Amino acid sequence: MPPETTSSNPVERYAQPDTQDQQAHPGLTKDMKDQPDHGEDSYRGSGRLTDKRAVITGGDSGIGRAVALAFAREGADVVLSYLESEEADAAETVRLVEAAGRRAVRCPGDIRDEATCQKLIDTALTELGGLDILVNNAAYQMAQLGGIADITTEQFDRVMKTNLYAMFWLCKKALPHMKAGSTIINTSSVQAVTPSPELLDYATTKAGIQNFTKGLAAELADKGIRVNAVAPGPIWTPLIPATMPPERAEGHGEDSPMGRAGQPAEVAPAYVFFASQESSYITAEMLAVTGGQPVT
């Protein structure tokens, strides 16, 4: 893949991935036949986050890995949150961050537990000496083709706690340690505004994240702490073969205006933008990275 500064036709930049591989949740990058691009060969940093300290949930793979890599190449150190079963993927993310000359601190655990969220913030304070950037990226989804009738209370509870409770806990615990100039970046989704029936519970949380972002941003604006959201569309990550049946995963992203799924490397620059001073007058915003699917 050419450097991100090289002009190319975005429609043709990536081939449509092979969506036939199925995995058990949470899925691992190393087991994907058609592996995502996280920017390993294309992302070039320019010092926009020099010596910043970030916590990234879901930092082992997919968008989280791409963000960790981009942040490191921009000069930031990171604490990575992920499930213990994702250790193999997390090790590769750590390798990429360290290859960029920055620190990567592992902090595995299930963020549905409030104590795990506290541990994440404490780890950033003790290991990195502070916290400048919080990226709430981890999420759980499980497509149910039967819609609401097939969504169990157990699944609904898991989706709510992973996607909403953890974000609430992490923000609340991080804010006493964040100074003016710090940023919070939440991962919403195109599902926040165009929900798919088979992802009803997931889409509900993504709409909640959008509203939470706007409300918290209004509260913190006069303190100099910005809160924004990124809304990815159909991005190719381990979550797709691990949470969707073949008939739903097939052709993932082909109905977008660009006609293909996006890659994590195409989403990460949005997080860098929100984390950097280049977006100093932007808060309460949701930036769509959807291949042209509208989110307004």
Foldseek 3Di string as FASTA:
>chain_A
DAAPVDDDDPLVPDDFDDLQDADAPPFEQVPDPGHFCLCLPHYAADQQQALAEEEFEVLLWFLNLSQLLNNLNNHYAYEYEEAPVHVVSNVVSQVSSVVSVHHYHYQYDQLLDLVSLLVRQVCSCVVSVAHQEYELEDFDFAFDPVFPVPQDPVNLSSRCSNLPVSVVSNCVNRVVGYAALGEYEYEAALLCAVNDRRGVSNSVSSVVLLVVQLVVQVVCVVRNYAGEYEHEAQEDIRNLSNRDDSVVSVQGLCPAPSRHHHGSNQRNVVVSCRSGCVCSVDHSYYHYHYNHDDSD
